[in-house]
Amino acid sequence: MDGLRFQVLGYRNFNRKSDKKPLTVLTAISQCTAKDNERGSFGNKATDFFLPDDLVGTLTTDCIGQEVTFEYSLGGFGRPEVSGFTFKPWK
């Protein structure tokens, strides 16, 4: 995702229906990539990022409109998962 930038559109805190576990989802927008264009998608796209348990509920409205950079680590079964993030003003 080199060169791909994400701008925060918003976030939502909620409880999962099955077990009432608290979750946070951050929604960010980015420009479509060349691969997206090959699949017929152009312009911008929105992506939802589920935050790890230790970051659930930590977002504030101050993050909306800012650029977010995600940090990743390996999760279950060797899959990448969000382990942290930083915000900076969108330019």
Protein backbone atom coordinates (compact mmCIF):
# COMPACT_ATOMS: atom_id res chain seq x y z
CA MET A 1 0.00 0.00 0.00
CA ASP A 2 2.93 2.26 -0.71
CA GLY A 3 1.70 5.77 -1.47
CA LEU A 4 -1.88 4.93 -0.54
CA ARG A 5 -3.33 7.53 1.84
CA PHE A 6 -6.40 7.15 4.04
CA GLN A 7 -8.57 10.00 5.36
CA VAL A 8 -10.89 9.27 8.29
CA LEU A 9 -14.57 9.60 7.41
CA GLY A 10 -15.81 8.46 10.80
CA TYR A 11 -15.98 5.63 13.29
CA ARG A 12 -18.55 3.65 15.20
CA ASN A 13 -18.52 1.91 18.55
CA PHE A 14 -21.00 -0.92 19.02
CA ASN A 15 -21.51 -4.29 20.66
CA ARG A 16 -21.47 -7.50 18.65
CA LYS A 17 -24.93 -9.09 18.68
CA SER A 18 -23.79 -12.65 19.42
CA ASP A 19 -21.79 -12.03 22.60
CA LYS A 20 -22.12 -8.27 23.31
CA LYS A 21 -18.35 -7.81 22.86
CA PRO A 22 -17.51 -4.09 22.28
CA LEU A 23 -16.06 -3.28 18.86
CA THR A 24 -14.82 -0.17 17.05
CA VAL A 25 -14.76 0.23 13.28
CA LEU A 26 -12.90 3.12 11.65
CA THR A 27 -14.09 4.09 8.15
CA ALA A 28 -11.56 5.77 5.88
CA ILE A 29 -11.55 6.91 2.26
CA SER A 30 -8.74 6.45 -0.24
CA GLN A 31 -8.22 6.84 -3.96
CA CYS A 32 -8.82 3.82 -6.13
CA THR A 33 -5.61 2.13 -7.23
CA ALA A 34 -4.64 0.94 -10.70
CA LYS A 35 -5.83 -2.57 -9.68
CA ASP A 36 -9.20 -1.11 -8.68
CA ASN A 37 -9.37 0.61 -12.08
CA GLU A 38 -8.75 -2.72 -13.82
CA ARG A 39 -11.79 -4.08 -11.96
CA GLY A 40 -13.94 -1.13 -13.07
CA SER A 41 -13.72 1.01 -9.91
CA PHE A 42 -12.70 4.66 -10.28
CA GLY A 43 -12.51 7.66 -7.97
CA ASN A 44 -12.52 7.00 -4.21
CA LYS A 45 -13.44 4.02 -2.08
CA ALA A 46 -14.38 3.63 1.58
CA THR A 47 -12.75 0.93 3.71
CA ASP A 48 -13.72 -0.29 7.19
CA PHE A 49 -10.93 -1.18 9.62
CA PHE A 50 -11.81 -3.18 12.77
CA LEU A 51 -9.63 -2.03 15.66
CA PRO A 52 -7.96 -4.56 17.98
CA ASP A 53 -9.43 -5.13 21.45
CA ASP A 54 -6.90 -2.88 23.21
CA LEU A 55 -7.83 0.09 20.96
CA VAL A 56 -11.63 -0.29 21.09
CA GLY A 57 -13.28 2.92 22.26
CA THR A 58 -10.12 5.05 22.03
CA LEU A 59 -11.13 7.23 19.06
CA THR A 60 -12.50 10.76 19.43
CA THR A 61 -14.21 13.07 16.95
CA ASP A 62 -10.89 14.95 16.60
CA CYS A 63 -9.64 12.18 14.27
CA ILE A 64 -12.36 12.79 11.66
CA GLY A 65 -10.93 14.38 8.51
CA GLN A 66 -7.33 13.55 9.43
CA GLU A 67 -4.94 11.26 7.60
CA VAL A 68 -4.53 7.92 9.34
CA THR A 69 -1.50 5.64 9.02
CA PHE A 70 -1.97 2.08 10.22
CA GLU A 71 0.56 -0.20 11.90
CA TYR A 72 0.16 -3.92 11.29
CA SER A 73 1.23 -7.09 13.05
CA LEU A 74 0.61 -10.75 12.36
CA GLY A 75 -2.56 -12.08 13.91
CA GLY A 76 -4.19 -15.48 14.00
CA PHE A 77 -3.18 -17.84 11.20
CA GLY A 78 -0.46 -15.40 10.07
CA ARG A 79 -2.92 -12.81 8.78
CA PRO A 80 -2.05 -9.11 9.10
CA GLU A 81 -4.17 -7.12 11.54
CA VAL A 82 -4.21 -3.50 12.67
CA SER A 83 -2.09 -3.11 15.81
CA GLY A 84 -1.97 0.68 16.02
CA PHE A 85 -2.40 3.92 14.13
CA THR A 86 -1.30 7.54 14.02
CA PHE A 87 -3.12 10.64 12.85
CA LYS A 88 -1.87 13.80 11.18
CA PRO A 89 -3.65 16.70 9.47
CA TRP A 90 -4.80 15.97 5.92
CA LYS A 91 -2.89 18.00 3.34
